[in-house]
Every structure is written in C-alpha cells, then in structure tokens.
Amino acid sequence: MRRLNDLAGVEFQAEMVEQFVQAVGVFPVGTLVELSNGTVGVVIAQNRTRRLRPQIMVLTDEDKTPLSTFRTLDLRDTLVDANGDSLFIQNGLPPGAHGLNPSEYYL
C-alpha cells in the first residue's frame, strides 16, 4: 500500500489510488499497528481524507514496553516523530502481538 501511495499521481491517477484505499480499508479500527519509530498502538479512528494515516492510541514505547499512560496520535497531522524522522505505520500486527490484545484497550 505504501508503494501504491508513492506511485499515486505518477504511475496511477491519485484519485483512483484514493478510491482503492478507501474501498479496501487498510487499517480498520481496532487493528494493532507498529509505527516507523518502533512504538505499537491500536487504530482508534479513521481519517476519511488520509486512510493510511489514522488516529492511533500508542500502547508501547520503542522497546515494546507497555506505557503507563496512553496517548493519542493523529497521523494525519503528525508527519514526523520526536527525532524529526518520518512517522508512518510500518506494519499491521495480529491481535496478541507483543502481548497486546486490542479489545482490552479499545472500547
């Protein structure tokens, strides 16, 4: 999906890529994801205009240690991490990855 997004407006019509992403639903609400900075979170809301950049509840730090307080991160507005590196969803994770069950965090 990241590659397809990179080719939007170059090899494929950007509007068609967006329609495809909206139809497929890449990261549904409740999906565990690993971010490019190593943190893990659960998708809590979609961004209708940027499906690859949903709202995330961050559950772990970079070492996969559970956080004592969770924070919400809107990837639509947050393009870089604290180090200035590009921030994006690296991987979707199965429920139970790193000992995390999304249903325990997302209601």
N, C-alpha and C. Protein backbone atom coordinates (compact mmCIF):
# COMPACT_ATOMS: atom_id res chain seq x y z
N MET A 1 0.82 -1.18 0.00
CA MET A 1 0.00 0.00 0.00
C MET A 1 0.87 1.25 0.00
N ARG A 2 1.97 1.20 0.75
CA ARG A 2 2.86 2.36 0.78
C ARG A 2 3.41 2.63 -0.62
N ARG A 3 3.79 1.56 -1.31
CA ARG A 3 4.33 1.71 -2.67
C ARG A 3 3.27 2.26 -3.62
N LEU A 4 2.06 1.74 -3.50
CA LEU A 4 0.96 2.23 -4.32
C LEU A 4 0.73 3.71 -4.05
N ASN A 5 0.77 4.10 -2.80
CA ASN A 5 0.59 5.50 -2.43
C ASN A 5 1.72 6.36 -3.02
N ASP A 6 2.94 5.83 -3.01
CA ASP A 6 4.08 6.57 -3.60
C ASP A 6 3.88 6.79 -5.10
N LEU A 7 3.21 5.86 -5.76
CA LEU A 7 3.01 5.96 -7.20
C LEU A 7 1.77 6.76 -7.60
N ALA A 8 0.98 7.17 -6.59
CA ALA A 8 -0.21 7.97 -6.88
C ALA A 8 0.21 9.29 -7.51
N GLY A 9 -0.41 9.61 -8.61
CA GLY A 9 -0.07 10.84 -9.31
C GLY A 9 1.13 10.70 -10.23
N VAL A 10 1.80 9.54 -10.18
CA VAL A 10 2.96 9.29 -11.04
C VAL A 10 2.61 8.21 -12.06
N GLU A 11 2.39 7.00 -11.57
CA GLU A 11 2.02 5.87 -12.43
C GLU A 11 0.51 5.66 -12.48
N PHE A 12 -0.18 6.08 -11.42
CA PHE A 12 -1.63 5.89 -11.32
C PHE A 12 -2.28 7.22 -10.99
N GLN A 13 -3.53 7.37 -11.40
CA GLN A 13 -4.27 8.57 -11.04
C GLN A 13 -4.43 8.59 -9.52
N ALA A 14 -4.11 9.72 -8.91
CA ALA A 14 -4.19 9.86 -7.45
C ALA A 14 -5.60 9.57 -6.95
N GLU A 15 -6.61 10.00 -7.69
CA GLU A 15 -8.00 9.78 -7.28
C GLU A 15 -8.35 8.30 -7.27
N MET A 16 -7.82 7.56 -8.23
CA MET A 16 -8.09 6.12 -8.29
C MET A 16 -7.40 5.38 -7.14
N VAL A 17 -6.20 5.78 -6.81
CA VAL A 17 -5.49 5.18 -5.67
C VAL A 17 -6.28 5.44 -4.39
N GLU A 18 -6.75 6.67 -4.21
CA GLU A 18 -7.53 7.00 -3.01
C GLU A 18 -8.81 6.17 -2.94
N GLN A 19 -9.49 6.02 -4.05
CA GLN A 19 -10.72 5.22 -4.08
C GLN A 19 -10.41 3.76 -3.73
N PHE A 20 -9.32 3.24 -4.24
CA PHE A 20 -8.92 1.87 -3.92
C PHE A 20 -8.65 1.71 -2.43
N VAL A 21 -7.89 2.63 -1.86
CA VAL A 21 -7.56 2.56 -0.42
C VAL A 21 -8.84 2.65 0.41
N GLN A 22 -9.75 3.53 0.04
CA GLN A 22 -11.00 3.65 0.79
C GLN A 22 -11.84 2.38 0.68
N ALA A 23 -11.82 1.74 -0.47
CA ALA A 23 -12.60 0.52 -0.65
C ALA A 23 -12.01 -0.65 0.13
N VAL A 24 -10.68 -0.72 0.19
CA VAL A 24 -10.02 -1.85 0.84
C VAL A 24 -10.00 -1.70 2.36
N GLY A 25 -9.86 -0.49 2.87
CA GLY A 25 -9.80 -0.29 4.32
C GLY A 25 -8.55 -0.91 4.90
N VAL A 26 -7.43 -0.27 4.73
CA VAL A 26 -6.13 -0.83 5.07
C VAL A 26 -5.97 -1.16 6.55
N PHE A 27 -6.27 -0.22 7.42
CA PHE A 27 -6.10 -0.43 8.87
C PHE A 27 -7.42 -0.12 9.57
N PRO A 28 -8.31 -1.11 9.69
CA PRO A 28 -9.60 -0.87 10.34
C PRO A 28 -9.43 -0.51 11.83
N VAL A 29 -10.42 0.17 12.37
CA VAL A 29 -10.43 0.49 13.80
C VAL A 29 -10.28 -0.81 14.58
N GLY A 30 -9.41 -0.78 15.59
CA GLY A 30 -9.13 -1.96 16.40
C GLY A 30 -7.90 -2.73 15.97
N THR A 31 -7.28 -2.34 14.86
CA THR A 31 -6.09 -3.02 14.37
C THR A 31 -4.85 -2.59 15.14
N LEU A 32 -4.05 -3.56 15.58
CA LEU A 32 -2.74 -3.25 16.17
C LEU A 32 -1.77 -2.90 15.06
N VAL A 33 -0.99 -1.85 15.28
CA VAL A 33 -0.01 -1.43 14.26
C VAL A 33 1.31 -1.07 14.93
N GLU A 34 2.38 -1.29 14.19
CA GLU A 34 3.70 -0.84 14.62
C GLU A 34 4.08 0.37 13.79
N LEU A 35 4.49 1.44 14.45
CA LEU A 35 4.87 2.65 13.75
C LEU A 35 6.34 2.61 13.37
N SER A 36 6.73 3.48 12.48
CA SER A 36 8.11 3.51 11.98
C SER A 36 9.13 3.80 13.07
N ASN A 37 8.71 4.39 14.18
CA ASN A 37 9.64 4.66 15.29
C ASN A 37 9.71 3.50 16.28
N GLY A 38 9.00 2.40 15.99
CA GLY A 38 9.06 1.21 16.85
C GLY A 38 7.95 1.11 17.88
N THR A 39 7.20 2.18 18.10
CA THR A 39 6.09 2.11 19.05
C THR A 39 4.96 1.28 18.47
N VAL A 40 4.10 0.76 19.35
CA VAL A 40 2.95 -0.04 18.93
C VAL A 40 1.69 0.64 19.45
N GLY A 41 0.66 0.62 18.64
CA GLY A 41 -0.60 1.21 19.06
C GLY A 41 -1.77 0.50 18.41
N VAL A 42 -2.96 0.99 18.73
CA VAL A 42 -4.18 0.44 18.16
C VAL A 42 -4.89 1.58 17.43
N VAL A 43 -5.43 1.27 16.24
CA VAL A 43 -6.17 2.27 15.47
C VAL A 43 -7.48 2.54 16.19
N ILE A 44 -7.74 3.83 16.47
CA ILE A 44 -8.98 4.19 17.18
C ILE A 44 -9.96 4.97 16.31
N ALA A 45 -9.48 5.51 15.19
CA ALA A 45 -10.37 6.24 14.28
C ALA A 45 -9.70 6.38 12.92
N GLN A 46 -10.52 6.42 11.90
CA GLN A 46 -10.03 6.62 10.54
C GLN A 46 -10.00 8.10 10.22
N ASN A 47 -9.14 8.48 9.33
CA ASN A 47 -9.15 9.81 8.73
C ASN A 47 -9.71 9.63 7.34
N ARG A 48 -10.87 10.18 7.09
CA ARG A 48 -11.56 9.96 5.82
C ARG A 48 -10.76 10.45 4.62
N THR A 49 -9.94 11.47 4.81
CA THR A 49 -9.19 12.00 3.69
C THR A 49 -7.82 11.35 3.53
N ARG A 50 -7.30 10.74 4.58
CA ARG A 50 -5.98 10.10 4.53
C ARG A 50 -6.07 8.74 5.21
N ARG A 51 -6.56 7.74 4.51
CA ARG A 51 -6.81 6.41 5.09
C ARG A 51 -5.55 5.72 5.62
N LEU A 52 -4.40 6.06 5.07
CA LEU A 52 -3.16 5.45 5.54
C LEU A 52 -2.60 6.16 6.77
N ARG A 53 -3.31 7.19 7.26
CA ARG A 53 -2.84 7.97 8.39
C ARG A 53 -3.96 8.13 9.42
N PRO A 54 -4.37 7.02 10.06
CA PRO A 54 -5.46 7.07 11.03
C PRO A 54 -5.02 7.64 12.38
N GLN A 55 -5.96 7.71 13.29
CA GLN A 55 -5.66 8.08 14.68
C GLN A 55 -5.28 6.81 15.43
N ILE A 56 -4.25 6.91 16.23
CA ILE A 56 -3.68 5.76 16.94
C ILE A 56 -3.65 6.06 18.44
N MET A 57 -3.95 5.05 19.25
CA MET A 57 -3.67 5.11 20.69
C MET A 57 -2.36 4.36 20.88
N VAL A 58 -1.31 5.08 21.27
CA VAL A 58 0.02 4.48 21.42
C VAL A 58 0.05 3.71 22.74
N LEU A 59 0.42 2.40 22.66
CA LEU A 59 0.39 1.50 23.81
C LEU A 59 1.76 1.16 24.37
N THR A 60 2.81 1.19 23.52
CA THR A 60 4.15 0.81 23.97
C THR A 60 5.16 1.87 23.55
N ASP A 61 6.32 1.79 24.18
CA ASP A 61 7.44 2.62 23.72
C ASP A 61 8.18 1.87 22.62
N GLU A 62 9.30 2.41 22.20
CA GLU A 62 10.07 1.82 21.10
C GLU A 62 10.59 0.42 21.40
N ASP A 63 10.77 0.11 22.70
CA ASP A 63 11.26 -1.21 23.11
C ASP A 63 10.13 -2.20 23.36
N LYS A 64 8.91 -1.80 23.01
CA LYS A 64 7.70 -2.62 23.18
C LYS A 64 7.31 -2.78 24.64
N THR A 65 7.78 -1.88 25.51
CA THR A 65 7.38 -1.87 26.91
C THR A 65 6.06 -1.12 27.02
N PRO A 66 5.03 -1.72 27.63
CA PRO A 66 3.74 -1.03 27.74
C PRO A 66 3.88 0.30 28.49
N LEU A 67 3.19 1.30 28.00
CA LEU A 67 3.20 2.61 28.64
C LEU A 67 2.23 2.63 29.80
N SER A 68 2.53 3.41 30.83
CA SER A 68 1.62 3.52 31.96
C SER A 68 0.45 4.44 31.63
N THR A 69 0.67 5.38 30.73
CA THR A 69 -0.38 6.29 30.25
C THR A 69 -0.35 6.28 28.73
N PHE A 70 -1.49 6.10 28.13
CA PHE A 70 -1.56 6.05 26.68
C PHE A 70 -1.80 7.45 26.13
N ARG A 71 -1.29 7.67 24.92
CA ARG A 71 -1.53 8.95 24.27
C ARG A 71 -2.13 8.71 22.90
N THR A 72 -2.87 9.68 22.44
CA THR A 72 -3.49 9.60 21.12
C THR A 72 -2.61 10.35 20.13
N LEU A 73 -2.46 9.76 18.97
CA LEU A 73 -1.63 10.33 17.92
C LEU A 73 -2.43 10.34 16.63
N ASP A 74 -2.61 11.52 16.04
CA ASP A 74 -3.31 11.62 14.77
C ASP A 74 -2.26 11.69 13.67
N LEU A 75 -2.09 10.61 12.94
CA LEU A 75 -1.05 10.55 11.90
C LEU A 75 -1.33 11.50 10.74
N ARG A 76 -2.57 11.96 10.61
CA ARG A 76 -2.87 12.94 9.56
C ARG A 76 -2.09 14.24 9.82
N ASP A 77 -1.97 14.61 11.10
CA ASP A 77 -1.32 15.86 11.47
C ASP A 77 0.12 15.67 11.92
N THR A 78 0.48 14.46 12.33
CA THR A 78 1.82 14.18 12.85
C THR A 78 2.60 13.42 11.78
N LEU A 79 3.49 14.12 11.09
CA LEU A 79 4.23 13.51 9.99
C LEU A 79 5.61 13.04 10.39
N VAL A 80 6.13 13.57 11.52
CA VAL A 80 7.46 13.19 11.99
C VAL A 80 7.40 12.87 13.48
N ASP A 81 8.37 12.06 13.95
CA ASP A 81 8.44 11.73 15.37
C ASP A 81 9.29 12.77 16.10
N ALA A 82 9.56 12.54 17.37
CA ALA A 82 10.31 13.49 18.19
C ALA A 82 11.72 13.74 17.67
N ASN A 83 12.27 12.78 16.91
CA ASN A 83 13.62 12.92 16.34
C ASN A 83 13.61 13.60 14.97
N GLY A 84 12.43 13.93 14.47
CA GLY A 84 12.33 14.55 13.16
C GLY A 84 12.30 13.55 12.01
N ASP A 85 12.21 12.25 12.35
CA ASP A 85 12.14 11.21 11.32
C ASP A 85 10.69 11.03 10.86
N SER A 86 10.51 10.63 9.62
CA SER A 86 9.18 10.39 9.07
C SER A 86 8.44 9.36 9.92
N LEU A 87 7.18 9.64 10.24
CA LEU A 87 6.39 8.75 11.08
C LEU A 87 5.22 8.20 10.27
N PHE A 88 5.12 6.87 10.22
CA PHE A 88 4.07 6.22 9.45
C PHE A 88 3.86 4.82 10.02
N ILE A 89 2.79 4.16 9.60
CA ILE A 89 2.54 2.78 10.01
C ILE A 89 3.48 1.87 9.23
N GLN A 90 4.34 1.18 9.98
CA GLN A 90 5.31 0.25 9.39
C GLN A 90 4.66 -1.08 9.05
N ASN A 91 3.87 -1.61 10.02
CA ASN A 91 3.26 -2.94 9.87
C ASN A 91 1.93 -2.99 10.59
N GLY A 92 1.03 -3.79 10.04
CA GLY A 92 -0.14 -4.20 10.79
C GLY A 92 0.27 -5.43 11.59
N LEU A 93 -0.24 -5.56 12.80
CA LEU A 93 0.13 -6.68 13.68
C LEU A 93 -1.09 -7.52 14.03
N PRO A 94 -0.90 -8.82 14.25
CA PRO A 94 -2.04 -9.65 14.66
C PRO A 94 -2.40 -9.38 16.12
N PRO A 95 -3.67 -9.58 16.49
CA PRO A 95 -4.05 -9.45 17.90
C PRO A 95 -3.17 -10.36 18.75
N GLY A 96 -2.70 -9.87 19.87
CA GLY A 96 -1.84 -10.64 20.74
C GLY A 96 -0.36 -10.37 20.54
N ALA A 97 -0.01 -9.68 19.45
CA ALA A 97 1.41 -9.36 19.22
C ALA A 97 1.93 -8.53 20.39
N HIS A 98 3.12 -8.85 20.84
CA HIS A 98 3.77 -8.17 21.97
C HIS A 98 2.91 -8.23 23.24
N GLY A 99 2.06 -9.26 23.32
CA GLY A 99 1.21 -9.43 24.49
C GLY A 99 0.06 -8.44 24.57
N LEU A 100 -0.27 -7.80 23.46
CA LEU A 100 -1.33 -6.78 23.44
C LEU A 100 -2.58 -7.31 22.76
N ASN A 101 -3.70 -7.16 23.42
CA ASN A 101 -4.98 -7.53 22.85
C ASN A 101 -5.77 -6.24 22.64
N PRO A 102 -6.00 -5.83 21.40
CA PRO A 102 -6.65 -4.54 21.15
C PRO A 102 -7.99 -4.39 21.84
N SER A 103 -8.73 -5.47 22.03
CA SER A 103 -10.05 -5.36 22.67
C SER A 103 -9.95 -4.92 24.13
N GLU A 104 -8.78 -5.07 24.74
CA GLU A 104 -8.59 -4.61 26.12
C GLU A 104 -8.40 -3.09 26.20
N TYR A 105 -8.05 -2.48 25.07
CA TYR A 105 -7.75 -1.06 25.06
C TYR A 105 -8.79 -0.24 24.33
N TYR A 106 -9.39 -0.81 23.33
CA TYR A 106 -10.34 -0.09 22.51
C TYR A 106 -11.75 -0.52 22.83
N LEU A 107 -12.58 0.42 23.20
CA LEU A 107 -13.99 0.11 23.53
C LEU A 107 -14.90 0.73 22.50
